[in-house]
C-alpha atoms as a PDB file:
ATOM      1  CA  MET A   1      28.471  31.613  25.407  1.00  0.00           C
ATOM      2  CA  GLU A   2      28.632  33.180  22.261  1.00  0.00           C
ATOM      3  CA  GLN A   3      28.604  29.961  20.176  1.00  0.00           C
ATOM      4  CA  TYR A   4      25.650  28.540  21.764  1.00  0.00           C
ATOM      5  CA  SER A   5      22.730  27.765  19.135  1.00  0.00           C
ATOM      6  CA  VAL A   6      19.257  26.391  19.701  1.00  0.00           C
ATOM      7  CA  PRO A   7      19.224  22.702  19.086  1.00  0.00           C
ATOM      8  CA  LYS A   8      17.924  21.700  15.626  1.00  0.00           C
ATOM      9  CA  LYS A   9      14.277  19.867  15.641  1.00  0.00           C
ATOM     10  CA  MET A  10      14.445  16.167  15.749  1.00  0.00           C
ATOM     11  CA  ARG A  11      13.507  14.295  12.616  1.00  0.00           C
ATOM     12  CA  GLN A  12      10.932  11.296  12.942  1.00  0.00           C
ATOM     13  CA  ILE A  13      12.378   7.703  12.106  1.00  0.00           C
ATOM     14  CA  GLY A  14       9.925   7.607   9.242  1.00  0.00           C
ATOM     15  CA  ASP A  15      11.320  10.691   7.499  1.00  0.00           C
ATOM     16  CA  LEU A  16      14.652   9.130   7.354  1.00  0.00           C
ATOM     17  CA  PHE A  17      13.653   6.322   4.830  1.00  0.00           C
ATOM     18  CA  GLU A  18      11.347   8.898   3.110  1.00  0.00           C
ATOM     19  CA  LYS A  19      13.411   9.042  -0.249  1.00  0.00           C
ATOM     20  CA  TYR A  20      13.814   4.895  -0.139  1.00  0.00           C
ATOM     21  CA  ARG A  21      10.098   4.745   0.276  1.00  0.00           C
ATOM     22  CA  THR A  22       9.449   7.072  -2.872  1.00  0.00           C
ATOM     23  CA  ARG A  23      12.095   5.896  -5.049  1.00  0.00           C
ATOM     24  CA  ILE A  24      12.017   2.142  -4.742  1.00  0.00           C
ATOM     25  CA  LYS A  25       9.032   0.000  -5.927  1.00  0.00           C
ATOM     26  CA  ALA A  26       7.871  -2.716  -3.836  1.00  0.00           C
ATOM     27  CA  PRO A  27       8.322  -6.560  -4.979  1.00  0.00           C
ATOM     28  CA  GLN A  28       5.312  -8.167  -6.613  1.00  0.00           C
ATOM     29  CA  ALA A  29       4.978 -10.275  -3.259  1.00  0.00           C
ATOM     30  CA  SER A  30       4.980  -7.266  -1.129  1.00  0.00           C
ATOM     31  CA  VAL A  31       2.156  -5.682  -2.787  1.00  0.00           C
ATOM     32  CA  GLU A  32      -0.034  -8.816  -2.571  1.00  0.00           C
ATOM     33  CA  LYS A  33       0.450  -9.407   1.040  1.00  0.00           C
ATOM     34  CA  GLU A  34      -0.190  -5.492   1.773  1.00  0.00           C
ATOM     35  CA  CYS A  35      -3.144  -5.748  -0.283  1.00  0.00           C
ATOM     36  CA  ILE A  36      -4.747  -8.762   1.730  1.00  0.00           C
ATOM     37  CA  LYS A  37      -4.098  -6.808   4.953  1.00  0.00           C
ATOM     38  CA  VAL A  38      -5.607  -3.560   3.802  1.00  0.00           C
ATOM     39  CA  ILE A  39      -8.510  -5.672   2.648  1.00  0.00           C
ATOM     40  CA  GLN A  40      -9.075  -7.329   5.703  1.00  0.00           C
ATOM     41  CA  GLU A  41      -8.314  -4.192   7.827  1.00  0.00           C
ATOM     42  CA  ILE A  42     -11.050  -1.917   5.541  1.00  0.00           C
ATOM     43  CA  THR A  43     -13.811  -4.612   5.002  1.00  0.00           C
ATOM     44  CA  GLY A  44     -12.783  -7.398   7.346  1.00  0.00           C
ATOM     45  CA  PHE A  45     -12.843 -10.021   4.627  1.00  0.00           C
ATOM     46  CA  GLU A  46     -10.384 -12.534   4.829  1.00  0.00           C
ATOM     47  CA  ILE A  47      -8.550 -13.221   1.291  1.00  0.00           C
ATOM     48  CA  SER A  48      -5.807 -16.065   0.745  1.00  0.00           C
ATOM     49  CA  LYS A  49      -2.557 -15.330  -1.004  1.00  0.00           C
ATOM     50  CA  THR A  50      -3.817 -17.815  -3.586  1.00  0.00           C
ATOM     51  CA  GLN A  51      -6.728 -15.367  -4.626  1.00  0.00           C
ATOM     52  CA  VAL A  52      -4.418 -12.351  -5.152  1.00  0.00           C
ATOM     53  CA  MET A  53      -2.209 -12.005  -8.097  1.00  0.00           C
ATOM     54  CA  TYR A  54      -0.523  -8.675  -9.040  1.00  0.00           C
ATOM     55  CA  THR A  55       0.953  -7.806 -12.306  1.00  0.00           C
ATOM     56  CA  VAL A  56       4.051  -5.331 -12.304  1.00  0.00           C
ATOM     57  CA  SER A  57       4.176  -4.037 -15.556  1.00  0.00           C
ATOM     58  CA  THR A  58       0.188  -2.937 -15.526  1.00  0.00           C
ATOM     59  CA  LYS A  59       0.058  -2.240 -11.754  1.00  0.00           C
ATOM     60  CA  SER A  60      -3.144  -4.417 -11.686  1.00  0.00           C
ATOM     61  CA  ILE A  61      -4.171  -6.626  -8.575  1.00  0.00           C
ATOM     62  CA  TYR A  62      -6.597  -9.703  -9.955  1.00  0.00           C
ATOM     63  CA  LEU A  63      -8.731 -11.360  -7.016  1.00  0.00           C
ATOM     64  CA  GLN A  64      -9.819 -14.550  -7.938  1.00  0.00           C
ATOM     65  CA  VAL A  65     -12.952 -14.146  -5.142  1.00  0.00           C
ATOM     66  CA  PRO A  66     -16.718 -14.830  -5.530  1.00  0.00           C
ATOM     67  CA  SER A  67     -18.678 -11.924  -7.601  1.00  0.00           C
ATOM     68  CA  ILE A  68     -20.470 -11.181  -4.345  1.00  0.00           C
ATOM     69  CA  LEU A  69     -17.421 -10.203  -2.644  1.00  0.00           C
ATOM     70  CA  LYS A  70     -16.087  -8.103  -5.523  1.00  0.00           C
ATOM     71  CA  SER A  71     -18.760  -6.212  -5.848  1.00  0.00           C
ATOM     72  CA  GLU A  72     -18.604  -5.435  -1.914  1.00  0.00           C
ATOM     73  CA  LEU A  73     -15.071  -4.612  -2.508  1.00  0.00           C
ATOM     74  CA  ARG A  74     -16.070  -2.001  -5.366  1.00  0.00           C
ATOM     75  CA  PHE A  75     -17.799   0.313  -2.887  1.00  0.00           C
ATOM     76  CA  HIS A  76     -14.189   0.489  -1.060  1.00  0.00           C
ATOM     77  CA  HIS A  77     -12.132   0.391  -4.250  1.00  0.00           C
ATOM     78  CA  ASN A  78     -10.761   4.318  -3.770  1.00  0.00           C
ATOM     79  CA  THR A  79     -10.461   3.857   0.175  1.00  0.00           C
ATOM     80  CA  ILE A  80      -8.449   0.586  -0.693  1.00  0.00           C
ATOM     81  CA  LEU A  81      -6.074   2.205  -3.456  1.00  0.00           C
ATOM     82  CA  GLN A  82      -5.496   5.157  -1.411  1.00  0.00           C
ATOM     83  CA  THR A  83      -4.250   3.198   1.770  1.00  0.00           C
ATOM     84  CA  LEU A  84      -2.036   1.222  -0.488  1.00  0.00           C
ATOM     85  CA  GLN A  85      -0.713   4.378  -1.621  1.00  0.00           C
ATOM     86  CA  ASN A  86       0.105   5.421   1.658  1.00  0.00           C
ATOM     87  CA  ARG A  87       1.746   2.328   2.691  1.00  0.00           C
ATOM     88  CA  LEU A  88       3.834   1.400  -0.613  1.00  0.00           C
ATOM     89  CA  GLY A  89       4.496   4.778  -2.101  1.00  0.00           C
ATOM     90  CA  LYS A  90       3.199   6.568  -5.027  1.00  0.00           C
ATOM     91  CA  ASP A  91       5.118   4.665  -7.765  1.00  0.00           C
ATOM     92  CA  GLY A  92       4.940   1.059  -5.759  1.00  0.00           C
ATOM     93  CA  CYS A  93       1.021   1.118  -5.816  1.00  0.00           C
ATOM     94  CA  PRO A  94      -1.338  -0.346  -8.044  1.00  0.00           C
ATOM     95  CA  ASN A  95      -3.684   1.461 -10.017  1.00  0.00           C
ATOM     96  CA  ILE A  96      -6.563  -0.700 -10.295  1.00  0.00           C
ATOM     97  CA  ILE A  97      -8.367  -3.577  -8.817  1.00  0.00           C
ATOM     98  CA  PHE A  98      -9.995  -6.497 -10.808  1.00  0.00           C
END
């Protein structure tokens, strides 16, 4: 009974992969797919894969959509980027959406 110790607090499964999520950058296709999902969740607009282009070197997303839709996305710009940062990690997240 003297060697008994209180069990350690259990870790969540998501915490086990935290170091990989923060160190590894997401590939171009993954960022584009996640951007499409986030835009649809936040604004309700559907965008196809051919309308989204991500440049890894500049961390920029270019959208080939009508100007009315672009102006609507400008209202949600910060929310979209924050959600992408939460899902992709700080280093794999785009900085700006055009």
